[in-house]
Amino acid sequence: ISIREASWEPLLSDNVAADSTNVISTVAG
């Protein structure tokens, strides 16, 4: 994600869709 974080912004700023990345971030610690 970080390699093109600006491109991921529509998902990261969507509260519902961002839950999916939050799951992965939580597993990553």
PDB file of all heavy atoms in Angstrom:
ATOM      1  N   ILE A   1       0.841  -1.202   0.000  1.00  0.00           N
ATOM      2  CA  ILE A   1       0.000   0.000   0.000  1.00  0.00           C
ATOM      3  C   ILE A   1       0.876   1.252   0.000  1.00  0.00           C
ATOM      4  O   ILE A   1       0.625   2.208  -0.737  1.00  0.00           O
ATOM      5  CB  ILE A   1      -0.935   0.011   1.219  1.00  0.00           C
ATOM      6  CG1 ILE A   1      -1.961  -1.127   1.128  1.00  0.00           C
ATOM      7  CG2 ILE A   1      -1.641   1.358   1.361  1.00  0.00           C
ATOM      8  CD1 ILE A   1      -2.867  -1.242   2.343  1.00  0.00           C
ATOM      9  N   SER A   2       1.908   1.249   0.825  1.00  0.00           N
ATOM     10  CA  SER A   2       2.710   2.462   1.014  1.00  0.00           C
ATOM     11  C   SER A   2       3.450   2.888  -0.244  1.00  0.00           C
ATOM     12  O   SER A   2       3.764   4.070  -0.410  1.00  0.00           O
ATOM     13  CB  SER A   2       3.716   2.251   2.159  1.00  0.00           C
ATOM     14  OG  SER A   2       4.719   1.314   1.785  1.00  0.00           O
ATOM     15  N   ILE A   3       3.716   1.944  -1.141  1.00  0.00           N
ATOM     16  CA  ILE A   3       4.487   2.294  -2.333  1.00  0.00           C
ATOM     17  C   ILE A   3       3.708   3.236  -3.244  1.00  0.00           C
ATOM     18  O   ILE A   3       4.285   3.983  -4.034  1.00  0.00           O
ATOM     19  CB  ILE A   3       4.910   1.004  -3.086  1.00  0.00           C
ATOM     20  CG1 ILE A   3       6.071   1.287  -4.044  1.00  0.00           C
ATOM     21  CG2 ILE A   3       3.759   0.378  -3.838  1.00  0.00           C
ATOM     22  CD1 ILE A   3       6.676   0.039  -4.653  1.00  0.00           C
ATOM     23  N   ARG A   4       2.367   3.218  -3.144  1.00  0.00           N
ATOM     24  CA  ARG A   4       1.510   4.157  -3.885  1.00  0.00           C
ATOM     25  C   ARG A   4       0.362   4.603  -2.972  1.00  0.00           C
ATOM     26  O   ARG A   4      -0.805   4.503  -3.321  1.00  0.00           O
ATOM     27  CB  ARG A   4       0.950   3.484  -5.147  1.00  0.00           C
ATOM     28  CG  ARG A   4       1.919   3.328  -6.283  1.00  0.00           C
ATOM     29  CD  ARG A   4       2.285   4.677  -6.918  1.00  0.00           C
ATOM     30  NE  ARG A   4       3.042   4.507  -8.138  1.00  0.00           N
ATOM     31  CZ  ARG A   4       4.360   4.361  -8.174  1.00  0.00           C
ATOM     32  NH1 ARG A   4       5.045   4.355  -7.044  1.00  0.00           N
ATOM     33  NH2 ARG A   4       4.982   4.221  -9.331  1.00  0.00           N
ATOM     34  N   GLU A   5       0.705   5.124  -1.809  1.00  0.00           N
ATOM     35  CA  GLU A   5      -0.309   5.435  -0.804  1.00  0.00           C
ATOM     36  C   GLU A   5      -1.318   6.462  -1.298  1.00  0.00           C
ATOM     37  O   GLU A   5      -2.509   6.396  -0.968  1.00  0.00           O
ATOM     38  CB  GLU A   5       0.350   5.922   0.488  1.00  0.00           C
ATOM     39  CG  GLU A   5      -0.618   6.020   1.653  1.00  0.00           C
ATOM     40  CD  GLU A   5       0.089   6.165   2.978  1.00  0.00           C
ATOM     41  OE1 GLU A   5       1.331   6.128   3.011  1.00  0.00           O
ATOM     42  OE2 GLU A   5      -0.612   6.307   3.993  1.00  0.00           O
ATOM     43  N   ALA A   6      -0.866   7.417  -2.110  1.00  0.00           N
ATOM     44  CA  ALA A   6      -1.795   8.429  -2.629  1.00  0.00           C
ATOM     45  C   ALA A   6      -2.880   7.785  -3.483  1.00  0.00           C
ATOM     46  O   ALA A   6      -4.045   8.202  -3.455  1.00  0.00           O
ATOM     47  CB  ALA A   6      -1.030   9.473  -3.436  1.00  0.00           C
ATOM     48  N   SER A   7      -2.524   6.756  -4.232  1.00  0.00           N
ATOM     49  CA  SER A   7      -3.508   6.069  -5.072  1.00  0.00           C
ATOM     50  C   SER A   7      -4.521   5.305  -4.229  1.00  0.00           C
ATOM     51  O   SER A   7      -5.657   5.085  -4.660  1.00  0.00           O
ATOM     52  CB  SER A   7      -2.801   5.102  -6.030  1.00  0.00           C
ATOM     53  OG  SER A   7      -1.966   5.797  -6.931  1.00  0.00           O
ATOM     54  N   TRP A   8      -4.107   4.865  -3.037  1.00  0.00           N
ATOM     55  CA  TRP A   8      -4.989   4.110  -2.159  1.00  0.00           C
ATOM     56  C   TRP A   8      -5.912   5.014  -1.338  1.00  0.00           C
ATOM     57  O   TRP A   8      -6.762   4.525  -0.595  1.00  0.00           O
ATOM     58  CB  TRP A   8      -4.157   3.247  -1.201  1.00  0.00           C
ATOM     59  CG  TRP A   8      -3.613   2.001  -1.830  1.00  0.00           C
ATOM     60  CD1 TRP A   8      -2.566   1.910  -2.704  1.00  0.00           C
ATOM     61  CD2 TRP A   8      -4.062   0.660  -1.601  1.00  0.00           C
ATOM     62  NE1 TRP A   8      -2.339   0.595  -3.039  1.00  0.00           N
ATOM     63  CE2 TRP A   8      -3.241  -0.183  -2.373  1.00  0.00           C
ATOM     64  CE3 TRP A   8      -5.060   0.099  -0.812  1.00  0.00           C
ATOM     65  CZ2 TRP A   8      -3.405  -1.577  -2.393  1.00  0.00           C
ATOM     66  CZ3 TRP A   8      -5.221  -1.282  -0.827  1.00  0.00           C
ATOM     67  CH2 TRP A   8      -4.411  -2.107  -1.615  1.00  0.00           C
ATOM     68  N   GLU A   9      -5.775   6.319  -1.453  1.00  0.00           N
ATOM     69  CA  GLU A   9      -6.507   7.239  -0.591  1.00  0.00           C
ATOM     70  C   GLU A   9      -8.028   7.064  -0.658  1.00  0.00           C
ATOM     71  O   GLU A   9      -8.704   7.159   0.374  1.00  0.00           O
ATOM     72  CB  GLU A   9      -6.113   8.681  -0.925  1.00  0.00           C
ATOM     73  CG  GLU A   9      -6.729   9.724  -0.006  1.00  0.00           C
ATOM     74  CD  GLU A   9      -6.411   9.497   1.462  1.00  0.00           C
ATOM     75  OE1 GLU A   9      -5.313   8.989   1.758  1.00  0.00           O
ATOM     76  OE2 GLU A   9      -7.272   9.806   2.304  1.00  0.00           O
ATOM     77  N   PRO A  10      -8.624   6.820  -1.848  1.00  0.00           N
ATOM     78  CA  PRO A  10     -10.084   6.631  -1.858  1.00  0.00           C
ATOM     79  C   PRO A  10     -10.553   5.512  -0.938  1.00  0.00           C
ATOM     80  O   PRO A  10     -11.612   5.629  -0.302  1.00  0.00           O
ATOM     81  CB  PRO A  10     -10.381   6.311  -3.328  1.00  0.00           C
ATOM     82  CG  PRO A  10      -9.282   6.995  -4.078  1.00  0.00           C
ATOM     83  CD  PRO A  10      -8.069   6.853  -3.204  1.00  0.00           C
ATOM     84  N   LEU A  11      -9.799   4.436  -0.850  1.00  0.00           N
ATOM     85  CA  LEU A  11     -10.166   3.345   0.059  1.00  0.00           C
ATOM     86  C   LEU A  11      -9.861   3.713   1.506  1.00  0.00           C
ATOM     87  O   LEU A  11     -10.681   3.500   2.396  1.00  0.00           O
ATOM     88  CB  LEU A  11      -9.435   2.058  -0.328  1.00  0.00           C
ATOM     89  CG  LEU A  11      -9.785   0.796   0.474  1.00  0.00           C
ATOM     90  CD1 LEU A  11      -9.689  -0.440  -0.413  1.00  0.00           C
ATOM     91  CD2 LEU A  11      -8.851   0.616   1.677  1.00  0.00           C
ATOM     92  N   LEU A  12      -8.700   4.280   1.738  1.00  0.00           N
ATOM     93  CA  LEU A  12      -8.283   4.590   3.109  1.00  0.00           C
ATOM     94  C   LEU A  12      -9.171   5.642   3.753  1.00  0.00           C
ATOM     95  O   LEU A  12      -9.311   5.678   4.983  1.00  0.00           O
ATOM     96  CB  LEU A  12      -6.823   5.051   3.112  1.00  0.00           C
ATOM     97  CG  LEU A  12      -5.793   4.034   2.600  1.00  0.00           C
ATOM     98  CD1 LEU A  12      -4.403   4.653   2.572  1.00  0.00           C
ATOM     99  CD2 LEU A  12      -5.787   2.771   3.456  1.00  0.00           C
ATOM    100  N   SER A  13      -9.790   6.494   2.940  1.00  0.00           N
ATOM    101  CA  SER A  13     -10.656   7.538   3.486  1.00  0.00           C
ATOM    102  C   SER A  13     -12.119   7.108   3.541  1.00  0.00           C
ATOM    103  O   SER A  13     -12.968   7.877   4.006  1.00  0.00           O
ATOM    104  CB  SER A  13     -10.531   8.816   2.655  1.00  0.00           C
ATOM    105  OG  SER A  13     -10.912   8.583   1.311  1.00  0.00           O
ATOM    106  N   ASP A  14     -12.423   5.914   3.071  1.00  0.00           N
ATOM    107  CA  ASP A  14     -13.775   5.362   3.124  1.00  0.00           C
ATOM    108  C   ASP A  14     -13.896   4.538   4.400  1.00  0.00           C
ATOM    109  O   ASP A  14     -13.240   3.511   4.551  1.00  0.00           O
ATOM    110  CB  ASP A  14     -14.027   4.493   1.889  1.00  0.00           C
ATOM    111  CG  ASP A  14     -15.445   3.956   1.823  1.00  0.00           C
ATOM    112  OD1 ASP A  14     -15.889   3.318   2.792  1.00  0.00           O
ATOM    113  OD2 ASP A  14     -16.101   4.133   0.784  1.00  0.00           O
ATOM    114  N   ASN A  15     -14.734   4.982   5.340  1.00  0.00           N
ATOM    115  CA  ASN A  15     -14.779   4.339   6.656  1.00  0.00           C
ATOM    116  C   ASN A  15     -15.111   2.851   6.583  1.00  0.00           C
ATOM    117  O   ASN A  15     -14.567   2.044   7.348  1.00  0.00           O
ATOM    118  CB  ASN A  15     -15.807   5.053   7.548  1.00  0.00           C
ATOM    119  CG  ASN A  15     -15.359   6.436   7.955  1.00  0.00           C
ATOM    120  OD1 ASN A  15     -14.164   6.716   7.993  1.00  0.00           O
ATOM    121  ND2 ASN A  15     -16.313   7.313   8.249  1.00  0.00           N
ATOM    122  N   VAL A  16     -16.007   2.495   5.677  1.00  0.00           N
ATOM    123  CA  VAL A  16     -16.396   1.085   5.555  1.00  0.00           C
ATOM    124  C   VAL A  16     -15.282   0.277   4.895  1.00  0.00           C
ATOM    125  O   VAL A  16     -14.843  -0.757   5.412  1.00  0.00           O
ATOM    126  CB  VAL A  16     -17.707   0.951   4.770  1.00  0.00           C
ATOM    127  CG1 VAL A  16     -18.043  -0.528   4.539  1.00  0.00           C
ATOM    128  CG2 VAL A  16     -18.852   1.633   5.511  1.00  0.00           C
ATOM    129  N   ALA A  17     -14.806   0.749   3.754  1.00  0.00           N
ATOM    130  CA  ALA A  17     -13.772   0.012   3.027  1.00  0.00           C
ATOM    131  C   ALA A  17     -12.470  -0.065   3.811  1.00  0.00           C
ATOM    132  O   ALA A  17     -11.749  -1.078   3.750  1.00  0.00           O
ATOM    133  CB  ALA A  17     -13.539   0.665   1.666  1.00  0.00           C
ATOM    134  N   ALA A  18     -12.155   0.990   4.559  1.00  0.00           N
ATOM    135  CA  ALA A  18     -10.897   1.008   5.310  1.00  0.00           C
ATOM    136  C   ALA A  18     -10.858  -0.044   6.406  1.00  0.00           C
ATOM    137  O   ALA A  18      -9.768  -0.399   6.887  1.00  0.00           O
ATOM    138  CB  ALA A  18     -10.664   2.387   5.902  1.00  0.00           C
ATOM    139  N   ASP A  19     -12.012  -0.563   6.813  1.00  0.00           N
ATOM    140  CA  ASP A  19     -12.016  -1.626   7.820  1.00  0.00           C
ATOM    141  C   ASP A  19     -11.203  -2.827   7.356  1.00  0.00           C
ATOM    142  O   ASP A  19     -10.600  -3.535   8.176  1.00  0.00           O
ATOM    143  CB  ASP A  19     -13.450  -2.067   8.133  1.00  0.00           C
ATOM    144  CG  ASP A  19     -14.183  -1.063   9.024  1.00  0.00           C
ATOM    145  OD1 ASP A  19     -13.504  -0.204   9.619  1.00  0.00           O
ATOM    146  OD2 ASP A  19     -15.415  -1.159   9.123  1.00  0.00           O
ATOM    147  N   SER A  20     -11.188  -3.083   6.054  1.00  0.00           N
ATOM    148  CA  SER A  20     -10.444  -4.226   5.528  1.00  0.00           C
ATOM    149  C   SER A  20      -8.940  -4.040   5.717  1.00  0.00           C
ATOM    150  O   SER A  20      -8.234  -4.976   6.118  1.00  0.00           O
ATOM    151  CB  SER A  20     -10.765  -4.423   4.044  1.00  0.00           C
ATOM    152  OG  SER A  20     -12.130  -4.719   3.859  1.00  0.00           O
ATOM    153  N   THR A  21      -8.450  -2.831   5.442  1.00  0.00           N
ATOM    154  CA  THR A  21      -7.025  -2.591   5.671  1.00  0.00           C
ATOM    155  C   THR A  21      -6.709  -2.529   7.160  1.00  0.00           C
ATOM    156  O   THR A  21      -5.605  -2.890   7.578  1.00  0.00           O
ATOM    157  CB  THR A  21      -6.573  -1.290   4.986  1.00  0.00           C
ATOM    158  OG1 THR A  21      -7.362  -0.196   5.461  1.00  0.00           O
ATOM    159  CG2 THR A  21      -6.728  -1.395   3.475  1.00  0.00           C
ATOM    160  N   ASN A  22      -7.680  -2.094   7.967  1.00  0.00           N
ATOM    161  CA  ASN A  22      -7.449  -2.050   9.413  1.00  0.00           C
ATOM    162  C   ASN A  22      -7.255  -3.441   9.997  1.00  0.00           C
ATOM    163  O   ASN A  22      -6.477  -3.629  10.938  1.00  0.00           O
ATOM    164  CB  ASN A  22      -8.623  -1.353  10.111  1.00  0.00           C
ATOM    165  CG  ASN A  22      -8.662   0.143   9.828  1.00  0.00           C
ATOM    166  OD1 ASN A  22      -7.650   0.732   9.440  1.00  0.00           O
ATOM    167  ND2 ASN A  22      -9.821   0.748  10.018  1.00  0.00           N
ATOM    168  N   VAL A  23      -7.974  -4.419   9.443  1.00  0.00           N
ATOM    169  CA  VAL A  23      -7.779  -5.806   9.894  1.00  0.00           C
ATOM    170  C   VAL A  23      -6.340  -6.231   9.663  1.00  0.00           C
ATOM    171  O   VAL A  23      -5.672  -6.794  10.550  1.00  0.00           O
ATOM    172  CB  VAL A  23      -8.746  -6.749   9.143  1.00  0.00           C
ATOM    173  CG1 VAL A  23      -8.340  -8.212   9.353  1.00  0.00           C
ATOM    174  CG2 VAL A  23     -10.179  -6.538   9.622  1.00  0.00           C
ATOM    175  N   ILE A  24      -5.836  -5.950   8.468  1.00  0.00           N
ATOM    176  CA  ILE A  24      -4.463  -6.347   8.141  1.00  0.00           C
ATOM    177  C   ILE A  24      -3.463  -5.561   8.979  1.00  0.00           C
ATOM    178  O   ILE A  24      -2.461  -6.119   9.457  1.00  0.00           O
ATOM    179  CB  ILE A  24      -4.216  -6.148   6.634  1.00  0.00           C
ATOM    180  CG1 ILE A  24      -5.171  -7.054   5.837  1.00  0.00           C
ATOM    181  CG2 ILE A  24      -2.765  -6.441   6.268  1.00  0.00           C
ATOM    182  CD1 ILE A  24      -5.164  -6.800   4.338  1.00  0.00           C
ATOM    183  N   SER A  25      -3.725  -4.285   9.201  1.00  0.00           N
ATOM    184  CA  SER A  25      -2.840  -3.470  10.041  1.00  0.00           C
ATOM    185  C   SER A  25      -2.798  -3.988  11.468  1.00  0.00           C
ATOM    186  O   SER A  25      -1.741  -3.982  12.114  1.00  0.00           O
ATOM    187  CB  SER A  25      -3.303  -2.010  10.034  1.00  0.00           C
ATOM    188  OG  SER A  25      -3.224  -1.446   8.739  1.00  0.00           O
ATOM    189  N   THR A  26      -3.945  -4.453  11.963  1.00  0.00           N
ATOM    190  CA  THR A  26      -3.992  -4.986  13.330  1.00  0.00           C
ATOM    191  C   THR A  26      -3.170  -6.256  13.434  1.00  0.00           C
ATOM    192  O   THR A  26      -2.402  -6.440  14.387  1.00  0.00           O
ATOM    193  CB  THR A  26      -5.450  -5.253  13.748  1.00  0.00           C
ATOM    194  OG1 THR A  26      -6.196  -4.036  13.658  1.00  0.00           O
ATOM    195  CG2 THR A  26      -5.514  -5.773  15.178  1.00  0.00           C
ATOM    196  N   VAL A  27      -3.310  -7.158  12.447  1.00  0.00           N
ATOM    197  CA  VAL A  27      -2.526  -8.393  12.457  1.00  0.00           C
ATOM    198  C   VAL A  27      -1.035  -8.076  12.391  1.00  0.00           C
ATOM    199  O   VAL A  27      -0.207  -8.773  12.996  1.00  0.00           O
ATOM    200  CB  VAL A  27      -2.941  -9.309  11.293  1.00  0.00           C
ATOM    201  CG1 VAL A  27      -2.063 -10.556  11.252  1.00  0.00           C
ATOM    202  CG2 VAL A  27      -4.407  -9.716  11.426  1.00  0.00           C
ATOM    203  N   ALA A  28      -0.691  -7.009  11.688  1.00  0.00           N
ATOM    204  CA  ALA A  28       0.718  -6.603  11.580  1.00  0.00           C
ATOM    205  C   ALA A  28       1.257  -6.010  12.870  1.00  0.00           C
ATOM    206  O   ALA A  28       2.463  -5.775  12.990  1.00  0.00           O
ATOM    207  CB  ALA A  28       0.879  -5.598  10.448  1.00  0.00           C
ATOM    208  N   GLY A  29       0.368  -5.747  13.846  1.00  0.00           N
ATOM    209  CA  GLY A  29       0.804  -5.187  15.118  1.00  0.00           C
ATOM    210  C   GLY A  29       0.851  -3.676  15.137  1.00  0.00           C
ATOM    211  O   GLY A  29       1.384  -3.082  16.086  1.00  0.00           O
TER     212      GLY A  29
END
